[in-house]
Amino acid sequence: MKKTFALAVTLAMVFAFATNVPAEEEMLDCDELVELSEALDTISAAVDDAEAEDLNEIDSDLGDVIKALRVVAKSEGNSSLTGALNRLEAAYKAKNQAAFVKAIDGVTEAIDAIEDEDC
């Protein structure tokens, strides 16, 4: 139960962060990219450690994170991030925990690459 609560809090933070992007056409600044990457690392570890019943409890939260990341991907206009996000969404829809963790790590890598390039 503690893991579920911690994961839900992290998901809420990422969703709040991503939905506060000022406008779809505005890119994230360097600090925001770092914060997002760190939050996604936390989600990845929590999902990897979670039991199936815990993931069922926060299923809609994971979907909300994907929606928020779509806003970020659109603002960044980065094809690697978009591709990684497509894999994340496919894993989410398939309810494949291992694939979800791998895909969210791919999203994090894409965000880190944007940070390396832009910052």
Foldseek 3Di string as FASTA:
>chain_A
DVLLVVLLVLLVVLLVLLVVPPALQAADDLVSLVVNLVSLVVNLVSLVPDDLVSCVVCLVSLVSSLVSLVSNCSNVVDPQLVVLSVQLVVCSVVVPSVSNSVSSVSNSVVSVVCSVVPD
